[in-house]
Amino acid sequence: MRSRKILVVDDDPIVLESCRRILESEGFLVVCVPSANDAFDNLEMGHFDLMITDIKMPRQDGFYLLGKVKEKWPVDRVLELPVLVMTGYPTHETLRELKKSGVRQFIPKPFTPDELLAAVHKAMKRRQTNEKNESPGD
């Protein structure tokens, strides 16, 4: 079985390094990038099983990134890529915008390693459930 590949997007190098350590300790392959544009470039070059992104970032934020992904790829590609949003600002407005953009999972900052891993496993499980439900011959 291949390792699951996760793209982590955050402008804070401490958050990126923390996520990398936590996720790699669980056997995930992790690519960390500091911006929405870097994330988009990585998504164009390869397949990821999950994207974890911050919302509040300089220049282009997480909403910009989510919009670019939906604009670039057909709906099926977007559905294939579960997204977990990290935010230090879980306001009602932010949560409403996340729902409108199709994001079903978020994790408030700061979070513990256990909270991050639980959220990641939940997102991966949701993806596996969707894949089983959409498999041919059902």
N, C-alpha and C. Protein backbone atom coordinates (compact mmCIF):
# COMPACT_ATOMS: atom_id res chain seq x y z
N MET A 1 0.84 -1.19 0.00
CA MET A 1 0.00 0.00 0.00
C MET A 1 0.88 1.25 0.00
N ARG A 2 0.56 2.19 -0.86
CA ARG A 2 1.38 3.40 -0.96
C ARG A 2 1.07 4.34 0.19
N SER A 3 2.06 5.16 0.52
CA SER A 3 1.85 6.17 1.56
C SER A 3 0.94 7.27 1.05
N ARG A 4 0.14 7.80 1.92
CA ARG A 4 -0.75 8.90 1.57
C ARG A 4 0.08 10.19 1.52
N LYS A 5 -0.22 11.03 0.53
CA LYS A 5 0.54 12.26 0.31
C LYS A 5 -0.32 13.46 0.69
N ILE A 6 0.23 14.31 1.56
CA ILE A 6 -0.50 15.46 2.07
C ILE A 6 0.24 16.76 1.71
N LEU A 7 -0.52 17.73 1.22
CA LEU A 7 0.00 19.06 0.93
C LEU A 7 -0.43 19.98 2.07
N VAL A 8 0.54 20.63 2.72
CA VAL A 8 0.25 21.54 3.82
C VAL A 8 0.62 22.96 3.37
N VAL A 9 -0.32 23.89 3.53
CA VAL A 9 -0.14 25.26 3.06
C VAL A 9 -0.33 26.22 4.24
N ASP A 10 0.74 26.94 4.58
CA ASP A 10 0.66 27.93 5.66
C ASP A 10 1.84 28.87 5.52
N ASP A 11 1.62 30.15 5.80
CA ASP A 11 2.71 31.12 5.69
C ASP A 11 3.61 31.12 6.92
N ASP A 12 3.24 30.39 7.96
CA ASP A 12 4.03 30.33 9.19
C ASP A 12 4.95 29.11 9.16
N PRO A 13 6.27 29.33 9.11
CA PRO A 13 7.20 28.19 9.04
C PRO A 13 7.11 27.26 10.25
N ILE A 14 6.74 27.79 11.40
CA ILE A 14 6.61 26.94 12.59
C ILE A 14 5.44 25.97 12.44
N VAL A 15 4.34 26.46 11.90
CA VAL A 15 3.18 25.59 11.66
C VAL A 15 3.54 24.52 10.63
N LEU A 16 4.22 24.93 9.56
CA LEU A 16 4.61 23.96 8.53
C LEU A 16 5.49 22.86 9.11
N GLU A 17 6.49 23.24 9.89
CA GLU A 17 7.41 22.25 10.46
C GLU A 17 6.69 21.36 11.47
N SER A 18 5.81 21.92 12.26
CA SER A 18 5.04 21.12 13.22
C SER A 18 4.18 20.10 12.50
N CYS A 19 3.47 20.55 11.48
CA CYS A 19 2.62 19.62 10.72
C CYS A 19 3.47 18.53 10.07
N ARG A 20 4.60 18.92 9.50
CA ARG A 20 5.48 17.95 8.85
C ARG A 20 5.90 16.86 9.85
N ARG A 21 6.37 17.27 11.01
CA ARG A 21 6.84 16.30 12.01
C ARG A 21 5.71 15.37 12.46
N ILE A 22 4.56 15.95 12.76
CA ILE A 22 3.43 15.16 13.24
C ILE A 22 2.98 14.16 12.18
N LEU A 23 2.80 14.63 10.95
CA LEU A 23 2.27 13.78 9.89
C LEU A 23 3.28 12.73 9.43
N GLU A 24 4.54 13.12 9.32
CA GLU A 24 5.56 12.14 8.91
C GLU A 24 5.73 11.05 9.96
N SER A 25 5.52 11.38 11.24
CA SER A 25 5.64 10.37 12.29
C SER A 25 4.56 9.29 12.15
N GLU A 26 3.49 9.62 11.42
CA GLU A 26 2.40 8.67 11.17
C GLU A 26 2.53 8.00 9.80
N GLY A 27 3.64 8.26 9.10
CA GLY A 27 3.89 7.60 7.82
C GLY A 27 3.38 8.32 6.59
N PHE A 28 2.86 9.53 6.74
CA PHE A 28 2.40 10.28 5.58
C PHE A 28 3.60 10.90 4.86
N LEU A 29 3.49 11.05 3.54
CA LEU A 29 4.43 11.84 2.76
C LEU A 29 3.90 13.27 2.80
N VAL A 30 4.75 14.23 3.17
CA VAL A 30 4.27 15.58 3.40
C VAL A 30 5.05 16.57 2.54
N VAL A 31 4.32 17.43 1.84
CA VAL A 31 4.90 18.54 1.10
C VAL A 31 4.37 19.81 1.74
N CYS A 32 5.26 20.66 2.22
CA CYS A 32 4.88 21.90 2.88
C CYS A 32 5.24 23.09 2.00
N VAL A 33 4.30 24.01 1.84
CA VAL A 33 4.54 25.21 1.05
C VAL A 33 4.00 26.43 1.78
N PRO A 34 4.62 27.61 1.55
CA PRO A 34 4.26 28.81 2.32
C PRO A 34 3.21 29.72 1.68
N SER A 35 2.65 29.33 0.53
CA SER A 35 1.71 30.23 -0.13
C SER A 35 0.70 29.47 -0.99
N ALA A 36 -0.39 30.16 -1.29
CA ALA A 36 -1.43 29.60 -2.16
C ALA A 36 -0.87 29.32 -3.55
N ASN A 37 -0.04 30.21 -4.08
CA ASN A 37 0.52 30.00 -5.41
C ASN A 37 1.43 28.77 -5.44
N ASP A 38 2.26 28.59 -4.41
CA ASP A 38 3.11 27.40 -4.34
C ASP A 38 2.25 26.14 -4.24
N ALA A 39 1.17 26.21 -3.50
CA ALA A 39 0.27 25.06 -3.37
C ALA A 39 -0.34 24.71 -4.72
N PHE A 40 -0.81 25.72 -5.44
CA PHE A 40 -1.42 25.48 -6.74
C PHE A 40 -0.41 24.85 -7.70
N ASP A 41 0.83 25.35 -7.69
CA ASP A 41 1.88 24.76 -8.53
C ASP A 41 2.09 23.29 -8.21
N ASN A 42 2.13 22.95 -6.92
CA ASN A 42 2.31 21.56 -6.52
C ASN A 42 1.11 20.69 -6.92
N LEU A 43 -0.08 21.23 -6.81
CA LEU A 43 -1.28 20.49 -7.21
C LEU A 43 -1.27 20.21 -8.71
N GLU A 44 -0.74 21.14 -9.49
CA GLU A 44 -0.65 20.93 -10.94
C GLU A 44 0.35 19.83 -11.29
N MET A 45 1.39 19.69 -10.47
CA MET A 45 2.46 18.73 -10.77
C MET A 45 2.21 17.32 -10.24
N GLY A 46 1.30 17.14 -9.29
CA GLY A 46 1.16 15.81 -8.74
C GLY A 46 -0.13 15.58 -8.00
N HIS A 47 -0.31 14.34 -7.60
CA HIS A 47 -1.51 13.90 -6.91
C HIS A 47 -1.32 13.99 -5.39
N PHE A 48 -2.31 14.48 -4.71
CA PHE A 48 -2.30 14.52 -3.24
C PHE A 48 -3.58 13.87 -2.73
N ASP A 49 -3.47 13.24 -1.57
CA ASP A 49 -4.62 12.59 -0.96
C ASP A 49 -5.37 13.53 -0.02
N LEU A 50 -4.73 14.63 0.35
CA LEU A 50 -5.34 15.61 1.26
C LEU A 50 -4.58 16.92 1.14
N MET A 51 -5.32 18.02 1.23
CA MET A 51 -4.68 19.33 1.32
C MET A 51 -5.13 19.96 2.64
N ILE A 52 -4.15 20.40 3.41
CA ILE A 52 -4.41 21.14 4.64
C ILE A 52 -3.95 22.57 4.38
N THR A 53 -4.86 23.51 4.53
CA THR A 53 -4.48 24.89 4.22
C THR A 53 -4.96 25.86 5.29
N ASP A 54 -4.14 26.87 5.52
CA ASP A 54 -4.53 27.99 6.36
C ASP A 54 -5.45 28.88 5.53
N ILE A 55 -6.27 29.65 6.19
CA ILE A 55 -7.13 30.61 5.49
C ILE A 55 -6.46 31.97 5.40
N LYS A 56 -5.97 32.48 6.51
CA LYS A 56 -5.38 33.82 6.56
C LYS A 56 -3.90 33.75 6.18
N MET A 57 -3.60 34.18 4.95
CA MET A 57 -2.21 34.24 4.48
C MET A 57 -2.05 35.53 3.69
N PRO A 58 -0.83 36.06 3.66
CA PRO A 58 -0.61 37.29 2.87
C PRO A 58 -0.79 37.02 1.38
N ARG A 59 -1.01 38.05 0.65
CA ARG A 59 -1.26 38.01 -0.80
C ARG A 59 -2.53 37.20 -1.09
N GLN A 60 -2.40 35.93 -1.43
CA GLN A 60 -3.58 35.10 -1.70
C GLN A 60 -3.85 34.21 -0.49
N ASP A 61 -5.11 34.23 -0.04
CA ASP A 61 -5.46 33.45 1.14
C ASP A 61 -5.99 32.06 0.75
N GLY A 62 -6.44 31.33 1.74
CA GLY A 62 -6.95 29.98 1.51
C GLY A 62 -8.19 29.96 0.65
N PHE A 63 -9.05 30.97 0.77
CA PHE A 63 -10.24 31.04 -0.08
C PHE A 63 -9.84 31.22 -1.55
N TYR A 64 -8.81 32.02 -1.79
CA TYR A 64 -8.28 32.19 -3.14
C TYR A 64 -7.83 30.83 -3.69
N LEU A 65 -7.07 30.09 -2.88
CA LEU A 65 -6.58 28.78 -3.30
C LEU A 65 -7.73 27.83 -3.62
N LEU A 66 -8.72 27.76 -2.74
CA LEU A 66 -9.86 26.88 -2.98
C LEU A 66 -10.58 27.27 -4.27
N GLY A 67 -10.72 28.56 -4.50
CA GLY A 67 -11.36 29.03 -5.73
C GLY A 67 -10.56 28.65 -6.97
N LYS A 68 -9.24 28.79 -6.91
CA LYS A 68 -8.38 28.43 -8.05
C LYS A 68 -8.47 26.94 -8.35
N VAL A 69 -8.51 26.11 -7.31
CA VAL A 69 -8.61 24.66 -7.51
C VAL A 69 -9.92 24.33 -8.21
N LYS A 70 -11.02 24.90 -7.75
CA LYS A 70 -12.33 24.64 -8.37
C LYS A 70 -12.39 25.15 -9.80
N GLU A 71 -11.73 26.29 -10.05
CA GLU A 71 -11.72 26.89 -11.39
C GLU A 71 -10.91 26.03 -12.37
N LYS A 72 -9.79 25.49 -11.91
CA LYS A 72 -8.85 24.78 -12.78
C LYS A 72 -9.31 23.37 -13.14
N TRP A 73 -9.86 22.64 -12.16
CA TRP A 73 -10.18 21.24 -12.39
C TRP A 73 -11.68 21.00 -12.34
N PRO A 74 -12.11 19.96 -13.06
CA PRO A 74 -13.53 19.61 -13.01
C PRO A 74 -13.95 19.22 -11.59
N VAL A 75 -15.23 19.22 -11.37
CA VAL A 75 -15.78 18.93 -10.05
C VAL A 75 -15.26 17.62 -9.50
N ASP A 76 -15.11 16.58 -10.33
CA ASP A 76 -14.66 15.29 -9.81
C ASP A 76 -13.26 15.38 -9.19
N ARG A 77 -12.37 16.17 -9.75
CA ARG A 77 -11.02 16.31 -9.18
C ARG A 77 -11.09 17.01 -7.83
N VAL A 78 -11.95 18.01 -7.73
CA VAL A 78 -12.10 18.72 -6.46
C VAL A 78 -12.66 17.78 -5.40
N LEU A 79 -13.63 16.96 -5.77
CA LEU A 79 -14.21 16.02 -4.81
C LEU A 79 -13.20 14.97 -4.38
N GLU A 80 -12.26 14.63 -5.27
CA GLU A 80 -11.23 13.65 -4.94
C GLU A 80 -10.25 14.18 -3.91
N LEU A 81 -10.09 15.48 -3.82
CA LEU A 81 -9.11 16.08 -2.93
C LEU A 81 -9.79 16.61 -1.68
N PRO A 82 -9.76 15.84 -0.60
CA PRO A 82 -10.31 16.38 0.63
C PRO A 82 -9.47 17.57 1.11
N VAL A 83 -10.13 18.53 1.71
CA VAL A 83 -9.46 19.73 2.21
C VAL A 83 -9.77 19.88 3.69
N LEU A 84 -8.72 20.08 4.45
CA LEU A 84 -8.83 20.38 5.88
C LEU A 84 -8.28 21.80 6.05
N VAL A 85 -9.10 22.68 6.59
CA VAL A 85 -8.70 24.08 6.76
C VAL A 85 -8.26 24.31 8.20
N MET A 86 -7.12 24.98 8.33
CA MET A 86 -6.63 25.42 9.64
C MET A 86 -6.93 26.90 9.74
N THR A 87 -7.42 27.32 10.89
CA THR A 87 -7.62 28.75 11.05
C THR A 87 -7.49 29.17 12.51
N GLY A 88 -6.85 30.27 12.70
CA GLY A 88 -6.77 30.87 14.03
C GLY A 88 -7.92 31.82 14.27
N TYR A 89 -8.80 31.96 13.26
CA TYR A 89 -9.92 32.89 13.32
C TYR A 89 -11.22 32.19 12.94
N PRO A 90 -11.70 31.26 13.77
CA PRO A 90 -12.92 30.51 13.42
C PRO A 90 -14.20 31.32 13.70
N THR A 91 -14.32 32.45 13.03
CA THR A 91 -15.51 33.29 13.21
C THR A 91 -16.69 32.68 12.46
N HIS A 92 -17.89 33.15 12.77
CA HIS A 92 -19.08 32.67 12.06
C HIS A 92 -18.98 32.98 10.57
N GLU A 93 -18.45 34.15 10.25
CA GLU A 93 -18.30 34.53 8.85
C GLU A 93 -17.34 33.59 8.12
N THR A 94 -16.20 33.29 8.75
CA THR A 94 -15.23 32.38 8.13
C THR A 94 -15.85 31.00 7.93
N LEU A 95 -16.53 30.49 8.93
CA LEU A 95 -17.14 29.16 8.83
C LEU A 95 -18.23 29.14 7.76
N ARG A 96 -18.97 30.20 7.63
CA ARG A 96 -20.00 30.31 6.58
C ARG A 96 -19.35 30.28 5.20
N GLU A 97 -18.25 31.03 5.04
CA GLU A 97 -17.54 31.05 3.76
C GLU A 97 -16.95 29.67 3.43
N LEU A 98 -16.45 28.98 4.45
CA LEU A 98 -15.92 27.63 4.22
C LEU A 98 -17.01 26.70 3.72
N LYS A 99 -18.17 26.76 4.34
CA LYS A 99 -19.29 25.92 3.90
C LYS A 99 -19.65 26.23 2.45
N LYS A 100 -19.72 27.52 2.11
CA LYS A 100 -20.06 27.92 0.74
C LYS A 100 -19.03 27.41 -0.26
N SER A 101 -17.78 27.32 0.17
CA SER A 101 -16.73 26.87 -0.75
C SER A 101 -16.62 25.35 -0.79
N GLY A 102 -17.46 24.65 -0.02
CA GLY A 102 -17.48 23.19 -0.08
C GLY A 102 -16.61 22.50 0.95
N VAL A 103 -15.95 23.26 1.81
CA VAL A 103 -15.08 22.66 2.82
C VAL A 103 -15.96 22.17 3.98
N ARG A 104 -15.75 20.92 4.35
CA ARG A 104 -16.56 20.33 5.41
C ARG A 104 -15.78 20.17 6.72
N GLN A 105 -14.47 20.35 6.66
CA GLN A 105 -13.68 20.14 7.87
C GLN A 105 -12.72 21.29 8.11
N PHE A 106 -12.65 21.71 9.38
CA PHE A 106 -11.65 22.69 9.75
C PHE A 106 -11.14 22.35 11.13
N ILE A 107 -9.96 22.85 11.41
CA ILE A 107 -9.34 22.65 12.71
C ILE A 107 -8.86 24.01 13.20
N PRO A 108 -9.29 24.41 14.40
CA PRO A 108 -8.86 25.72 14.91
C PRO A 108 -7.40 25.66 15.39
N LYS A 109 -6.70 26.76 15.16
CA LYS A 109 -5.33 26.90 15.68
C LYS A 109 -5.43 27.59 17.03
N PRO A 110 -4.56 27.28 17.94
CA PRO A 110 -3.56 26.22 17.89
C PRO A 110 -4.23 24.86 18.13
N PHE A 111 -3.60 23.81 17.62
CA PHE A 111 -4.12 22.47 17.80
C PHE A 111 -3.01 21.56 18.32
N THR A 112 -3.41 20.48 18.93
CA THR A 112 -2.45 19.50 19.43
C THR A 112 -2.15 18.49 18.33
N PRO A 113 -1.05 17.75 18.46
CA PRO A 113 -0.79 16.69 17.49
C PRO A 113 -1.96 15.70 17.37
N ASP A 114 -2.55 15.34 18.49
CA ASP A 114 -3.68 14.40 18.46
C ASP A 114 -4.88 14.98 17.72
N GLU A 115 -5.14 16.27 17.91
CA GLU A 115 -6.26 16.91 17.20
C GLU A 115 -6.00 16.95 15.70
N LEU A 116 -4.77 17.25 15.30
CA LEU A 116 -4.44 17.26 13.87
C LEU A 116 -4.60 15.87 13.27
N LEU A 117 -4.04 14.88 13.94
CA LEU A 117 -4.12 13.51 13.41
C LEU A 117 -5.56 13.02 13.34
N ALA A 118 -6.37 13.34 14.33
CA ALA A 118 -7.78 12.94 14.30
C ALA A 118 -8.50 13.57 13.11
N ALA A 119 -8.24 14.86 12.86
CA ALA A 119 -8.87 15.55 11.74
C ALA A 119 -8.40 14.98 10.41
N VAL A 120 -7.11 14.67 10.30
CA VAL A 120 -6.57 14.09 9.06
C VAL A 120 -7.18 12.71 8.81
N HIS A 121 -7.22 11.88 9.83
CA HIS A 121 -7.79 10.54 9.67
C HIS A 121 -9.28 10.60 9.31
N LYS A 122 -9.98 11.56 9.88
CA LYS A 122 -11.40 11.74 9.55
C LYS A 122 -11.56 12.13 8.08
N ALA A 123 -10.72 13.05 7.61
CA ALA A 123 -10.78 13.46 6.21
C ALA A 123 -10.43 12.31 5.27
N MET A 124 -9.43 11.53 5.64
CA MET A 124 -9.05 10.38 4.82
C MET A 124 -10.16 9.33 4.81
N LYS A 125 -10.79 9.12 5.94
CA LYS A 125 -11.87 8.14 6.03
C LYS A 125 -13.05 8.58 5.17
N ARG A 126 -13.37 9.88 5.22
CA ARG A 126 -14.45 10.42 4.40
C ARG A 126 -14.15 10.19 2.92
N ARG A 127 -12.90 10.39 2.54
CA ARG A 127 -12.52 10.18 1.14
C ARG A 127 -12.69 8.72 0.75
N GLN A 128 -12.23 7.80 1.61
CA GLN A 128 -12.36 6.37 1.32
C GLN A 128 -13.83 5.97 1.21
N THR A 129 -14.66 6.53 2.06
CA THR A 129 -16.10 6.25 2.00
C THR A 129 -16.67 6.73 0.69
N ASN A 130 -16.29 7.94 0.25
CA ASN A 130 -16.76 8.46 -1.02
C ASN A 130 -16.30 7.60 -2.18
N GLU A 131 -15.03 7.13 -2.14
CA GLU A 131 -14.50 6.29 -3.21
C GLU A 131 -15.28 4.97 -3.29
N LYS A 132 -15.59 4.37 -2.15
CA LYS A 132 -16.34 3.11 -2.13
C LYS A 132 -17.75 3.32 -2.68
N ASN A 133 -18.38 4.43 -2.29
CA ASN A 133 -19.74 4.70 -2.73
C ASN A 133 -19.81 5.00 -4.23
N GLU A 134 -18.71 5.46 -4.83
CA GLU A 134 -18.71 5.82 -6.24
C GLU A 134 -18.07 4.76 -7.12
N SER A 135 -17.67 3.61 -6.54
CA SER A 135 -16.99 2.60 -7.34
C SER A 135 -17.98 1.93 -8.29
N PRO A 136 -17.49 1.57 -9.51
CA PRO A 136 -18.36 0.95 -10.50
C PRO A 136 -18.87 -0.40 -10.01
N GLY A 137 -20.05 -0.77 -10.47
CA GLY A 137 -20.60 -2.07 -10.15
C GLY A 137 -21.43 -2.08 -8.89
N ASP A 138 -21.56 -0.94 -8.22
CA ASP A 138 -22.38 -0.88 -7.01
C ASP A 138 -23.84 -0.80 -7.36
